[in-house]
């Protein structure tokens, strides 16, 4: 029997489902769900099971190993592999019920030759210069006779609403969609907030599902056990580098969480725990496996008690300088994941 973990992630699946419904309603079109990186660190299968119950019928993963974790999904759920397929992937791709999103002429040729007529999607690069077929001189004849379900592209600056590249990418993508005469999918979470002109026939929300945008519900709630409490006189310091000095006699608690668990050094002297509704600020540097908090003004805690970590994504990103994506996907394997 394995000993219990001193770390927990409470994952609010009702909040996740509410976020998906809200984003779908805002877009006004069919909505899938990005569950790559193991559901942004929360568990792809648990996330997708809940969203499937809400009516979501398209899941996005990055590679075929991730597609395999959703094996046995209902037949009307389509799993889309965003990195496409290469020769090394073919054995897995032909044995897993998932669709490659083809990103290059070479991938198109490979799937035409070996894909056994199975459905695929395609990705067109409209200005990000990352994955995708070039929008310049785009040739629809390349896909003649192939079962192509959806054409995708990805916005480079959707989180910067006034950036001129957004409109350029939208216009370029619209021309491709019209030429192909099939469903288009351009918008991620930030793209959905740009408005209906960016929705086309389908959207691919990701970070917003997990609480990473204003007006959406918090989904992830880390908690950690207290290891030790101590009284510190005014003038004493705490943590590596002595970056915090007690301005008064203080009481500190050491928590069983650190940057090895994805609670990164950006929270040094900026993050906080929550005890009885009161904030207990992080003092000193975050260590690999430990964080020190100031509990002078909070209800008392003792070794073995559980303490909530303040982890509203927008606030945590502002405090730490770490992106919401990193805050989620970096949460490590040492947490016990508890679904509520």
C-alpha atoms as a PDB file:
ATOM      1  CA  UNK A   1       0.000   0.000   0.000  1.00  0.00           C
ATOM      2  CA  UNK A   2       1.370   3.400  -0.994  1.00  0.00           C
ATOM      3  CA  UNK A   3       1.531   6.068   1.734  1.00  0.00           C
ATOM      4  CA  UNK A   4      -0.786   9.063   1.279  1.00  0.00           C
ATOM      5  CA  UNK A   5       0.457  12.081  -0.641  1.00  0.00           C
ATOM      6  CA  UNK A   6       1.020  15.324   1.306  1.00  0.00           C
ATOM      7  CA  UNK A   7      -0.338  17.194  -1.743  1.00  0.00           C
ATOM      8  CA  UNK A   8      -3.789  17.262  -3.286  1.00  0.00           C
ATOM      9  CA  UNK A   9      -5.365  18.852  -6.313  1.00  0.00           C
ATOM     10  CA  UNK A  10      -9.094  19.309  -5.957  1.00  0.00           C
ATOM     11  CA  UNK A  11     -10.505  19.508  -9.475  1.00  0.00           C
ATOM     12  CA  UNK A  12     -13.995  20.962  -9.773  1.00  0.00           C
ATOM     13  CA  UNK A  13     -15.499  19.161 -12.766  1.00  0.00           C
ATOM     14  CA  UNK A  14     -18.773  21.084 -12.475  1.00  0.00           C
ATOM     15  CA  UNK A  15     -16.819  24.331 -12.878  1.00  0.00           C
ATOM     16  CA  UNK A  16     -15.012  22.833 -15.875  1.00  0.00           C
ATOM     17  CA  UNK A  17     -18.346  21.913 -17.480  1.00  0.00           C
ATOM     18  CA  UNK A  18     -19.783  25.369 -16.763  1.00  0.00           C
ATOM     19  CA  UNK A  19     -16.771  26.982 -18.454  1.00  0.00           C
ATOM     20  CA  UNK A  20     -17.246  24.809 -21.559  1.00  0.00           C
ATOM     21  CA  UNK A  21     -20.927  25.720 -21.743  1.00  0.00           C
ATOM     22  CA  UNK A  22     -20.107  29.403 -21.363  1.00  0.00           C
ATOM     23  CA  UNK A  23     -17.470  29.358 -24.105  1.00  0.00           C
ATOM     24  CA  UNK A  24     -19.720  27.387 -26.448  1.00  0.00           C
ATOM     25  CA  UNK A  25     -22.548  29.876 -25.909  1.00  0.00           C
ATOM     26  CA  UNK A  26     -20.219  32.835 -26.429  1.00  0.00           C
ATOM     27  CA  UNK A  27     -18.926  31.433 -29.716  1.00  0.00           C
ATOM     28  CA  UNK A  28     -22.368  30.464 -30.982  1.00  0.00           C
ATOM     29  CA  UNK A  29     -20.980  27.378 -32.745  1.00  0.00           C
ATOM     30  CA  UNK A  30     -19.956  23.798 -31.972  1.00  0.00           C
ATOM     31  CA  UNK A  31     -17.147  23.591 -29.393  1.00  0.00           C
ATOM     32  CA  UNK A  32     -14.515  20.943 -28.836  1.00  0.00           C
ATOM     33  CA  UNK A  33     -12.019  20.757 -25.973  1.00  0.00           C
ATOM     34  CA  UNK A  34      -8.240  20.846 -25.862  1.00  0.00           C
ATOM     35  CA  UNK A  35      -7.162  18.060 -23.501  1.00  0.00           C
ATOM     36  CA  UNK A  36      -3.527  17.873 -24.591  1.00  0.00           C
ATOM     37  CA  UNK A  37      -0.783  17.683 -21.948  1.00  0.00           C
ATOM     38  CA  UNK A  38      -2.994  15.245 -20.020  1.00  0.00           C
ATOM     39  CA  UNK A  39      -5.899  17.659 -19.847  1.00  0.00           C
ATOM     40  CA  UNK A  40      -3.553  20.547 -19.012  1.00  0.00           C
ATOM     41  CA  UNK A  41      -2.276  18.454 -16.131  1.00  0.00           C
ATOM     42  CA  UNK A  42      -5.674  17.584 -14.659  1.00  0.00           C
ATOM     43  CA  UNK A  43      -6.204  14.151 -16.226  1.00  0.00           C
ATOM     44  CA  UNK A  44      -7.376  13.985 -19.839  1.00  0.00           C
ATOM     45  CA  UNK A  45      -9.751  11.072 -19.378  1.00  0.00           C
ATOM     46  CA  UNK A  46     -11.533  12.534 -16.351  1.00  0.00           C
ATOM     47  CA  UNK A  47     -11.812  15.903 -18.079  1.00  0.00           C
ATOM     48  CA  UNK A  48     -13.135  14.417 -21.302  1.00  0.00           C
ATOM     49  CA  UNK A  49     -15.582  12.099 -19.551  1.00  0.00           C
ATOM     50  CA  UNK A  50     -17.173  15.125 -17.861  1.00  0.00           C
ATOM     51  CA  UNK A  51     -17.243  17.240 -21.010  1.00  0.00           C
ATOM     52  CA  UNK A  52     -18.663  14.366 -23.055  1.00  0.00           C
ATOM     53  CA  UNK A  53     -21.553  14.216 -20.587  1.00  0.00           C
ATOM     54  CA  UNK A  54     -22.127  17.921 -21.332  1.00  0.00           C
ATOM     55  CA  UNK A  55     -22.304  17.275 -25.075  1.00  0.00           C
ATOM     56  CA  UNK A  56     -18.712  17.867 -26.186  1.00  0.00           C
ATOM     57  CA  UNK A  57     -17.873  15.554 -29.085  1.00  0.00           C
ATOM     58  CA  UNK A  58     -14.371  16.637 -30.151  1.00  0.00           C
ATOM     59  CA  UNK A  59     -11.165  16.264 -28.122  1.00  0.00           C
ATOM     60  CA  UNK A  60      -7.778  17.714 -29.118  1.00  0.00           C
ATOM     61  CA  UNK A  61      -4.475  16.098 -28.135  1.00  0.00           C
ATOM     62  CA  UNK A  62      -0.967  16.844 -29.343  1.00  0.00           C
ATOM     63  CA  UNK A  63       0.382  13.403 -30.294  1.00  0.00           C
ATOM     64  CA  UNK A  64      -0.526   9.738 -30.683  1.00  0.00           C
ATOM     65  CA  UNK A  65       0.684   8.755 -27.229  1.00  0.00           C
ATOM     66  CA  UNK A  66      -1.875  11.202 -25.815  1.00  0.00           C
ATOM     67  CA  UNK A  67      -4.533   9.851 -28.182  1.00  0.00           C
ATOM     68  CA  UNK A  68      -3.895   6.393 -26.726  1.00  0.00           C
ATOM     69  CA  UNK A  69      -4.856   7.580 -23.242  1.00  0.00           C
ATOM     70  CA  UNK A  70      -8.399   8.197 -24.555  1.00  0.00           C
ATOM     71  CA  UNK A  71      -8.689   4.710 -26.075  1.00  0.00           C
ATOM     72  CA  UNK A  72     -12.099   3.158 -25.661  1.00  0.00           C
ATOM     73  CA  UNK A  73     -13.904   6.466 -25.961  1.00  0.00           C
ATOM     74  CA  UNK A  74     -17.493   6.496 -27.284  1.00  0.00           C
ATOM     75  CA  UNK A  75     -17.639   6.134 -31.063  1.00  0.00           C
ATOM     76  CA  UNK A  76     -19.219   9.562 -31.552  1.00  0.00           C
ATOM     77  CA  UNK A  77     -16.316  11.321 -29.801  1.00  0.00           C
ATOM     78  CA  UNK A  78     -13.701  12.380 -32.352  1.00  0.00           C
ATOM     79  CA  UNK A  79     -10.137  12.646 -31.058  1.00  0.00           C
ATOM     80  CA  UNK A  80      -7.933  14.967 -33.136  1.00  0.00           C
ATOM     81  CA  UNK A  81      -4.126  14.721 -33.083  1.00  0.00           C
ATOM     82  CA  UNK A  82      -2.812  18.240 -33.626  1.00  0.00           C
ATOM     83  CA  UNK A  83       0.753  17.297 -34.572  1.00  0.00           C
ATOM     84  CA  UNK A  84      -0.444  15.144 -37.459  1.00  0.00           C
ATOM     85  CA  UNK A  85       1.318  11.914 -38.362  1.00  0.00           C
ATOM     86  CA  UNK A  86       4.753  10.837 -39.547  1.00  0.00           C
ATOM     87  CA  UNK A  87       6.176   7.461 -40.515  1.00  0.00           C
ATOM     88  CA  UNK A  88       7.094   6.542 -36.945  1.00  0.00           C
ATOM     89  CA  UNK A  89       3.504   7.231 -35.857  1.00  0.00           C
ATOM     90  CA  UNK A  90       1.784   5.085 -38.478  1.00  0.00           C
ATOM     91  CA  UNK A  91       1.450   1.816 -36.490  1.00  0.00           C
ATOM     92  CA  UNK A  92      -0.209   3.730 -33.621  1.00  0.00           C
ATOM     93  CA  UNK A  93      -2.231   5.963 -35.932  1.00  0.00           C
ATOM     94  CA  UNK A  94      -3.731   2.985 -37.755  1.00  0.00           C
ATOM     95  CA  UNK A  95      -4.640   1.186 -34.520  1.00  0.00           C
ATOM     96  CA  UNK A  96      -6.121   4.135 -32.591  1.00  0.00           C
ATOM     97  CA  UNK A  97      -9.510   5.628 -33.379  1.00  0.00           C
ATOM     98  CA  UNK A  98      -8.347   9.221 -33.866  1.00  0.00           C
ATOM     99  CA  UNK A  99      -7.909  11.678 -36.734  1.00  0.00           C
ATOM    100  CA  UNK A 100      -4.572  13.274 -37.628  1.00  0.00           C
ATOM    101  CA  UNK A 101      -4.552  17.008 -38.266  1.00  0.00           C
ATOM    102  CA  UNK A 102      -2.187  17.034 -41.245  1.00  0.00           C
ATOM    103  CA  UNK A 103       0.285  19.936 -41.171  1.00  0.00           C
ATOM    104  CA  UNK A 104       2.499  19.561 -44.250  1.00  0.00           C
ATOM    105  CA  UNK A 105       2.460  18.275 -47.842  1.00  0.00           C
ATOM    106  CA  UNK A 106       4.585  15.335 -46.668  1.00  0.00           C
ATOM    107  CA  UNK A 107       2.011  14.374 -44.047  1.00  0.00           C
ATOM    108  CA  UNK A 108      -0.786  14.671 -46.599  1.00  0.00           C
ATOM    109  CA  UNK A 109       1.064  12.338 -48.967  1.00  0.00           C
ATOM    110  CA  UNK A 110       1.818   9.869 -46.161  1.00  0.00           C
ATOM    111  CA  UNK A 111      -1.810   9.713 -45.031  1.00  0.00           C
ATOM    112  CA  UNK A 112      -3.061   9.409 -48.588  1.00  0.00           C
ATOM    113  CA  UNK A 113      -0.743   6.444 -49.145  1.00  0.00           C
ATOM    114  CA  UNK A 114      -1.187   4.666 -45.805  1.00  0.00           C
ATOM    115  CA  UNK A 115      -4.262   6.069 -44.063  1.00  0.00           C
ATOM    116  CA  UNK A 116      -6.619   3.481 -45.575  1.00  0.00           C
ATOM    117  CA  UNK A 117      -9.113   6.182 -46.554  1.00  0.00           C
ATOM    118  CA  UNK A 118      -9.686   7.256 -42.970  1.00  0.00           C
ATOM    119  CA  UNK A 119     -10.786  10.748 -42.064  1.00  0.00           C
ATOM    120  CA  UNK A 120      -8.282  13.489 -41.365  1.00  0.00           C
ATOM    121  CA  UNK A 121      -8.263  17.217 -40.639  1.00  0.00           C
ATOM    122  CA  UNK A 122      -5.766  19.740 -41.967  1.00  0.00           C
ATOM    123  CA  UNK A 123      -3.933  22.690 -40.414  1.00  0.00           C
ATOM    124  CA  UNK A 124      -3.173  25.814 -42.447  1.00  0.00           C
ATOM    125  CA  UNK A 125      -0.619  28.347 -41.223  1.00  0.00           C
ATOM    126  CA  UNK A 126      -2.082  31.834 -41.712  1.00  0.00           C
ATOM    127  CA  UNK A 127       0.669  33.885 -40.084  1.00  0.00           C
ATOM    128  CA  UNK A 128       1.978  32.219 -36.931  1.00  0.00           C
ATOM    129  CA  UNK A 129       4.721  30.380 -38.840  1.00  0.00           C
ATOM    130  CA  UNK A 130       4.449  27.329 -36.646  1.00  0.00           C
ATOM    131  CA  UNK A 131       2.590  24.202 -37.801  1.00  0.00           C
ATOM    132  CA  UNK A 132       0.511  24.079 -40.966  1.00  0.00           C
ATOM    133  CA  UNK A 133       0.339  24.203 -44.728  1.00  0.00           C
ATOM    134  CA  UNK A 134       1.246  27.631 -46.080  1.00  0.00           C
ATOM    135  CA  UNK A 135      -1.771  29.838 -46.798  1.00  0.00           C
ATOM    136  CA  UNK A 136       0.114  31.354 -49.747  1.00  0.00           C
ATOM    137  CA  UNK A 137      -0.731  29.490 -52.916  1.00  0.00           C
ATOM    138  CA  UNK A 138      -2.912  27.055 -50.989  1.00  0.00           C
ATOM    139  CA  UNK A 139      -3.954  24.208 -53.297  1.00  0.00           C
ATOM    140  CA  UNK A 140      -7.225  22.378 -52.667  1.00  0.00           C
ATOM    141  CA  UNK A 141      -6.375  19.694 -55.248  1.00  0.00           C
ATOM    142  CA  UNK A 142      -3.833  18.277 -52.803  1.00  0.00           C
ATOM    143  CA  UNK A 143      -6.762  16.716 -50.908  1.00  0.00           C
ATOM    144  CA  UNK A 144      -8.751  15.358 -53.854  1.00  0.00           C
ATOM    145  CA  UNK A 145     -10.421  12.086 -52.888  1.00  0.00           C
ATOM    146  CA  UNK A 146      -9.462  12.399 -49.198  1.00  0.00           C
ATOM    147  CA  UNK A 147     -11.976  12.492 -46.346  1.00  0.00           C
ATOM    148  CA  UNK A 148     -11.127  15.878 -44.784  1.00  0.00           C
ATOM    149  CA  UNK A 149     -13.441  16.860 -41.957  1.00  0.00           C
ATOM    150  CA  UNK A 150     -12.245  20.265 -40.723  1.00  0.00           C
ATOM    151  CA  UNK A 151      -9.617  22.833 -41.688  1.00  0.00           C
ATOM    152  CA  UNK A 152      -7.843  24.528 -38.767  1.00  0.00           C
ATOM    153  CA  UNK A 153      -5.551  27.459 -38.185  1.00  0.00           C
ATOM    154  CA  UNK A 154      -4.185  29.085 -35.037  1.00  0.00           C
ATOM    155  CA  UNK A 155      -4.163  32.739 -34.029  1.00  0.00           C
ATOM    156  CA  UNK A 156      -0.800  34.125 -32.947  1.00  0.00           C
ATOM    157  CA  UNK A 157      -2.072  37.216 -31.110  1.00  0.00           C
ATOM    158  CA  UNK A 158      -5.612  36.421 -29.984  1.00  0.00           C
ATOM    159  CA  UNK A 159      -4.791  37.577 -26.457  1.00  0.00           C
ATOM    160  CA  UNK A 160      -3.938  41.005 -27.931  1.00  0.00           C
ATOM    161  CA  UNK A 161      -7.358  42.019 -29.308  1.00  0.00           C
ATOM    162  CA  UNK A 162      -6.127  45.109 -31.164  1.00  0.00           C
ATOM    163  CA  UNK A 163      -3.217  43.405 -32.907  1.00  0.00           C
ATOM    164  CA  UNK A 164      -3.556  43.764 -36.696  1.00  0.00           C
ATOM    165  CA  UNK A 165      -2.399  40.185 -37.295  1.00  0.00           C
ATOM    166  CA  UNK A 166      -5.702  38.902 -35.898  1.00  0.00           C
ATOM    167  CA  UNK A 167      -7.725  40.371 -38.739  1.00  0.00           C
ATOM    168  CA  UNK A 168      -5.161  39.344 -41.333  1.00  0.00           C
ATOM    169  CA  UNK A 169      -5.232  35.745 -40.142  1.00  0.00           C
ATOM    170  CA  UNK A 170      -9.019  35.725 -40.068  1.00  0.00           C
ATOM    171  CA  UNK A 171      -9.259  36.970 -43.657  1.00  0.00           C
ATOM    172  CA  UNK A 172      -6.638  34.526 -44.917  1.00  0.00           C
ATOM    173  CA  UNK A 173      -8.377  31.668 -43.157  1.00  0.00           C
ATOM    174  CA  UNK A 174     -11.783  32.616 -44.521  1.00  0.00           C
ATOM    175  CA  UNK A 175     -10.401  32.381 -48.066  1.00  0.00           C
ATOM    176  CA  UNK A 176      -9.108  28.854 -47.362  1.00  0.00           C
ATOM    177  CA  UNK A 177     -12.423  27.761 -45.813  1.00  0.00           C
ATOM    178  CA  UNK A 178     -14.366  29.061 -48.805  1.00  0.00           C
ATOM    179  CA  UNK A 179     -11.990  27.333 -51.242  1.00  0.00           C
ATOM    180  CA  UNK A 180     -12.322  23.987 -49.466  1.00  0.00           C
ATOM    181  CA  UNK A 181     -16.038  24.266 -48.703  1.00  0.00           C
ATOM    182  CA  UNK A 182     -15.702  22.488 -45.339  1.00  0.00           C
ATOM    183  CA  UNK A 183     -15.954  23.394 -41.668  1.00  0.00           C
ATOM    184  CA  UNK A 184     -13.345  25.817 -40.331  1.00  0.00           C
ATOM    185  CA  UNK A 185     -11.871  26.078 -36.828  1.00  0.00           C
ATOM    186  CA  UNK A 186      -9.713  29.099 -35.980  1.00  0.00           C
ATOM    187  CA  UNK A 187     -10.469  30.228 -32.433  1.00  0.00           C
ATOM    188  CA  UNK A 188      -8.958  29.027 -29.190  1.00  0.00           C
ATOM    189  CA  UNK A 189     -10.206  30.536 -25.905  1.00  0.00           C
ATOM    190  CA  UNK A 190      -8.794  33.997 -26.609  1.00  0.00           C
ATOM    191  CA  UNK A 191     -10.061  33.776 -30.189  1.00  0.00           C
ATOM    192  CA  UNK A 192     -13.587  33.113 -28.940  1.00  0.00           C
ATOM    193  CA  UNK A 193     -13.455  36.406 -27.042  1.00  0.00           C
ATOM    194  CA  UNK A 194     -12.569  38.226 -30.295  1.00  0.00           C
ATOM    195  CA  UNK A 195     -16.162  37.734 -31.463  1.00  0.00           C
ATOM    196  CA  UNK A 196     -18.321  35.803 -33.886  1.00  0.00           C
ATOM    197  CA  UNK A 197     -16.226  36.763 -36.922  1.00  0.00           C
ATOM    198  CA  UNK A 198     -13.559  34.385 -35.604  1.00  0.00           C
ATOM    199  CA  UNK A 199     -15.843  31.468 -34.748  1.00  0.00           C
ATOM    200  CA  UNK A 200     -16.452  29.928 -38.193  1.00  0.00           C
ATOM    201  CA  UNK A 201     -18.068  26.508 -37.672  1.00  0.00           C
ATOM    202  CA  UNK A 202     -16.150  25.181 -34.673  1.00  0.00           C
ATOM    203  CA  UNK A 203     -13.949  26.422 -31.823  1.00  0.00           C
ATOM    204  CA  UNK A 204     -11.168  24.770 -29.792  1.00  0.00           C
ATOM    205  CA  UNK A 205     -11.207  26.176 -26.234  1.00  0.00           C
ATOM    206  CA  UNK A 206      -8.293  25.174 -24.037  1.00  0.00           C
ATOM    207  CA  UNK A 207      -7.074  27.290 -21.134  1.00  0.00           C
ATOM    208  CA  UNK A 208     -10.519  28.808 -20.578  1.00  0.00           C
ATOM    209  CA  UNK A 209     -11.990  25.397 -19.776  1.00  0.00           C
ATOM    210  CA  UNK A 210      -9.664  25.207 -16.801  1.00  0.00           C
ATOM    211  CA  UNK A 211     -10.419  28.699 -15.483  1.00  0.00           C
ATOM    212  CA  UNK A 212      -7.784  30.651 -17.382  1.00  0.00           C
ATOM    213  CA  UNK A 213      -9.736  33.725 -18.481  1.00  0.00           C
ATOM    214  CA  UNK A 214     -11.629  36.527 -16.773  1.00  0.00           C
ATOM    215  CA  UNK A 215     -15.210  35.683 -15.941  1.00  0.00           C
ATOM    216  CA  UNK A 216     -14.692  31.916 -15.910  1.00  0.00           C
ATOM    217  CA  UNK A 217     -14.824  29.573 -12.926  1.00  0.00           C
ATOM    218  CA  UNK A 218     -11.753  28.402 -11.015  1.00  0.00           C
ATOM    219  CA  UNK A 219     -11.303  24.669 -11.588  1.00  0.00           C
ATOM    220  CA  UNK A 220      -8.030  23.760  -9.838  1.00  0.00           C
ATOM    221  CA  UNK A 221      -7.490  24.041  -6.079  1.00  0.00           C
ATOM    222  CA  UNK A 222      -4.086  22.843  -4.762  1.00  0.00           C
ATOM    223  CA  UNK A 223      -3.739  21.997  -1.071  1.00  0.00           C
ATOM    224  CA  UNK A 224      -0.651  21.033   0.923  1.00  0.00           C
ATOM    225  CA  UNK A 225       0.032  19.630   4.379  1.00  0.00           C
ATOM    226  CA  UNK A 226       1.789  21.627   7.076  1.00  0.00           C
ATOM    227  CA  UNK A 227       5.145  20.108   8.086  1.00  0.00           C
ATOM    228  CA  UNK A 228       6.206  22.455  10.899  1.00  0.00           C
ATOM    229  CA  UNK A 229       5.282  25.762  12.567  1.00  0.00           C
ATOM    230  CA  UNK A 230       7.726  28.117  14.297  1.00  0.00           C
ATOM    231  CA  UNK A 231       7.861  31.511  16.012  1.00  0.00           C
ATOM    232  CA  UNK A 232      10.344  33.993  14.517  1.00  0.00           C
ATOM    233  CA  UNK A 233      11.437  37.202  16.268  1.00  0.00           C
ATOM    234  CA  UNK A 234      11.464  40.545  14.463  1.00  0.00           C
ATOM    235  CA  UNK A 235      14.641  40.937  12.430  1.00  0.00           C
ATOM    236  CA  UNK A 236      15.090  37.227  11.627  1.00  0.00           C
ATOM    237  CA  UNK A 237      15.089  36.117   7.996  1.00  0.00           C
ATOM    238  CA  UNK A 238      13.526  33.118   6.252  1.00  0.00           C
ATOM    239  CA  UNK A 239      14.439  30.948   3.292  1.00  0.00           C
ATOM    240  CA  UNK A 240      17.339  30.708   0.861  1.00  0.00           C
ATOM    241  CA  UNK A 241      19.143  33.976   0.280  1.00  0.00           C
ATOM    242  CA  UNK A 242      17.452  35.577   3.304  1.00  0.00           C
ATOM    243  CA  UNK A 243      15.152  37.522   0.973  1.00  0.00           C
ATOM    244  CA  UNK A 244      12.476  38.069   3.645  1.00  0.00           C
ATOM    245  CA  UNK A 245      12.975  39.731   7.004  1.00  0.00           C
ATOM    246  CA  UNK A 246      10.378  39.663   9.778  1.00  0.00           C
ATOM    247  CA  UNK A 247       9.173  43.210  10.422  1.00  0.00           C
ATOM    248  CA  UNK A 248       7.590  42.010  13.691  1.00  0.00           C
ATOM    249  CA  UNK A 249       7.483  38.912  15.826  1.00  0.00           C
ATOM    250  CA  UNK A 250       5.873  36.388  13.476  1.00  0.00           C
ATOM    251  CA  UNK A 251       4.585  32.839  13.294  1.00  0.00           C
ATOM    252  CA  UNK A 252       5.509  30.834  10.214  1.00  0.00           C
ATOM    253  CA  UNK A 253       4.389  27.502   8.768  1.00  0.00           C
ATOM    254  CA  UNK A 254       6.301  25.286   6.361  1.00  0.00           C
ATOM    255  CA  UNK A 255       4.208  23.553   3.680  1.00  0.00           C
ATOM    256  CA  UNK A 256       4.952  20.348   1.794  1.00  0.00           C
ATOM    257  CA  UNK A 257       4.969  21.957  -1.689  1.00  0.00           C
ATOM    258  CA  UNK A 258       7.656  23.498  -3.882  1.00  0.00           C
ATOM    259  CA  UNK A 259       8.892  24.107  -7.383  1.00  0.00           C
ATOM    260  CA  UNK A 260       9.274  20.364  -7.995  1.00  0.00           C
ATOM    261  CA  UNK A 261       5.472  20.295  -7.749  1.00  0.00           C
ATOM    262  CA  UNK A 262       4.994  23.185 -10.167  1.00  0.00           C
ATOM    263  CA  UNK A 263       4.659  25.812  -7.444  1.00  0.00           C
ATOM    264  CA  UNK A 264       7.444  27.785  -9.036  1.00  0.00           C
ATOM    265  CA  UNK A 265       9.989  30.273  -7.759  1.00  0.00           C
ATOM    266  CA  UNK A 266       7.952  33.129  -9.200  1.00  0.00           C
ATOM    267  CA  UNK A 267       5.748  32.796  -6.119  1.00  0.00           C
ATOM    268  CA  UNK A 268       8.666  33.667  -3.829  1.00  0.00           C
ATOM    269  CA  UNK A 269       7.516  36.546  -1.601  1.00  0.00           C
ATOM    270  CA  UNK A 270       4.434  37.010  -3.837  1.00  0.00           C
ATOM    271  CA  UNK A 271       2.186  33.942  -3.516  1.00  0.00           C
ATOM    272  CA  UNK A 272      -0.160  33.055  -0.684  1.00  0.00           C
ATOM    273  CA  UNK A 273      -2.070  30.311   1.066  1.00  0.00           C
ATOM    274  CA  UNK A 274      -5.634  30.645   2.351  1.00  0.00           C
ATOM    275  CA  UNK A 275      -6.496  29.742   5.944  1.00  0.00           C
ATOM    276  CA  UNK A 276     -10.020  30.327   7.185  1.00  0.00           C
ATOM    277  CA  UNK A 277     -10.545  32.835   4.395  1.00  0.00           C
ATOM    278  CA  UNK A 278      -7.455  34.855   5.362  1.00  0.00           C
ATOM    279  CA  UNK A 279      -4.351  35.158   3.203  1.00  0.00           C
ATOM    280  CA  UNK A 280      -1.089  33.790   4.530  1.00  0.00           C
ATOM    281  CA  UNK A 281       1.637  35.271   2.297  1.00  0.00           C
ATOM    282  CA  UNK A 282       4.577  33.241   1.044  1.00  0.00           C
ATOM    283  CA  UNK A 283       7.735  34.513   2.715  1.00  0.00           C
ATOM    284  CA  UNK A 284      11.182  33.928   1.278  1.00  0.00           C
ATOM    285  CA  UNK A 285      12.072  31.852  -1.729  1.00  0.00           C
ATOM    286  CA  UNK A 286      10.104  28.823  -2.849  1.00  0.00           C
ATOM    287  CA  UNK A 287      12.286  25.732  -2.320  1.00  0.00           C
ATOM    288  CA  UNK A 288      12.216  22.478  -4.281  1.00  0.00           C
ATOM    289  CA  UNK A 289       9.834  20.751  -1.855  1.00  0.00           C
ATOM    290  CA  UNK A 290       8.841  23.441   0.657  1.00  0.00           C
ATOM    291  CA  UNK A 291       7.222  26.845   0.983  1.00  0.00           C
ATOM    292  CA  UNK A 292       7.165  29.074   4.073  1.00  0.00           C
ATOM    293  CA  UNK A 293       4.039  31.106   4.816  1.00  0.00           C
ATOM    294  CA  UNK A 294       3.314  33.779   7.410  1.00  0.00           C
ATOM    295  CA  UNK A 295       0.399  32.658   9.597  1.00  0.00           C
ATOM    296  CA  UNK A 296       0.658  35.465  12.165  1.00  0.00           C
ATOM    297  CA  UNK A 297      -2.749  36.895  11.233  1.00  0.00           C
ATOM    298  CA  UNK A 298      -4.628  33.700  10.335  1.00  0.00           C
ATOM    299  CA  UNK A 299      -6.447  31.061  12.358  1.00  0.00           C
ATOM    300  CA  UNK A 300      -4.022  28.636  13.976  1.00  0.00           C
ATOM    301  CA  UNK A 301      -2.716  25.629  12.050  1.00  0.00           C
ATOM    302  CA  UNK A 302      -0.593  22.731  13.222  1.00  0.00           C
ATOM    303  CA  UNK A 303       1.613  20.077  11.585  1.00  0.00           C
ATOM    304  CA  UNK A 304      -0.542  17.664   9.611  1.00  0.00           C
ATOM    305  CA  UNK A 305      -3.221  20.256   8.815  1.00  0.00           C
ATOM    306  CA  UNK A 306      -4.168  20.918   5.189  1.00  0.00           C
ATOM    307  CA  UNK A 307      -3.789  24.426   3.780  1.00  0.00           C
ATOM    308  CA  UNK A 308      -5.275  25.751   0.538  1.00  0.00           C
ATOM    309  CA  UNK A 309      -2.948  27.432  -1.945  1.00  0.00           C
ATOM    310  CA  UNK A 310      -4.259  30.622  -3.586  1.00  0.00           C
ATOM    311  CA  UNK A 311      -4.393  29.556  -7.233  1.00  0.00           C
ATOM    312  CA  UNK A 312      -6.896  31.640  -9.152  1.00  0.00           C
ATOM    313  CA  UNK A 313      -5.085  31.489 -12.481  1.00  0.00           C
ATOM    314  CA  UNK A 314      -5.343  35.152 -13.456  1.00  0.00           C
ATOM    315  CA  UNK A 315      -4.229  36.334  -9.998  1.00  0.00           C
ATOM    316  CA  UNK A 316      -1.508  33.692  -9.700  1.00  0.00           C
ATOM    317  CA  UNK A 317      -0.128  34.626 -13.128  1.00  0.00           C
ATOM    318  CA  UNK A 318      -0.009  38.304 -12.157  1.00  0.00           C
ATOM    319  CA  UNK A 319       1.698  37.522  -8.833  1.00  0.00           C
ATOM    320  CA  UNK A 320       4.301  35.149 -10.224  1.00  0.00           C
ATOM    321  CA  UNK A 321       4.944  36.338 -13.781  1.00  0.00           C
ATOM    322  CA  UNK A 322       4.235  32.760 -14.914  1.00  0.00           C
ATOM    323  CA  UNK A 323       1.701  32.117 -17.681  1.00  0.00           C
ATOM    324  CA  UNK A 324      -1.596  30.458 -16.863  1.00  0.00           C
ATOM    325  CA  UNK A 325      -0.617  27.575 -19.173  1.00  0.00           C
ATOM    326  CA  UNK A 326       2.588  26.900 -17.220  1.00  0.00           C
ATOM    327  CA  UNK A 327       0.746  27.221 -13.913  1.00  0.00           C
ATOM    328  CA  UNK A 328      -1.539  24.361 -14.934  1.00  0.00           C
ATOM    329  CA  UNK A 329       0.639  22.026 -16.969  1.00  0.00           C
ATOM    330  CA  UNK A 330       3.502  22.213 -14.474  1.00  0.00           C
ATOM    331  CA  UNK A 331       1.488  20.744 -11.596  1.00  0.00           C
ATOM    332  CA  UNK A 332       3.399  17.568 -10.933  1.00  0.00           C
ATOM    333  CA  UNK A 333       2.771  13.891 -10.378  1.00  0.00           C
ATOM    334  CA  UNK A 334       3.118  14.089  -6.586  1.00  0.00           C
ATOM    335  CA  UNK A 335      -0.392  15.527  -6.183  1.00  0.00           C
ATOM    336  CA  UNK A 336      -3.264  13.233  -5.405  1.00  0.00           C
ATOM    337  CA  UNK A 337      -5.933  14.344  -7.856  1.00  0.00           C
ATOM    338  CA  UNK A 338      -9.375  14.522  -6.280  1.00  0.00           C
ATOM    339  CA  UNK A 339     -12.323  15.076  -8.617  1.00  0.00           C
ATOM    340  CA  UNK A 340     -15.360  16.827  -7.224  1.00  0.00           C
END
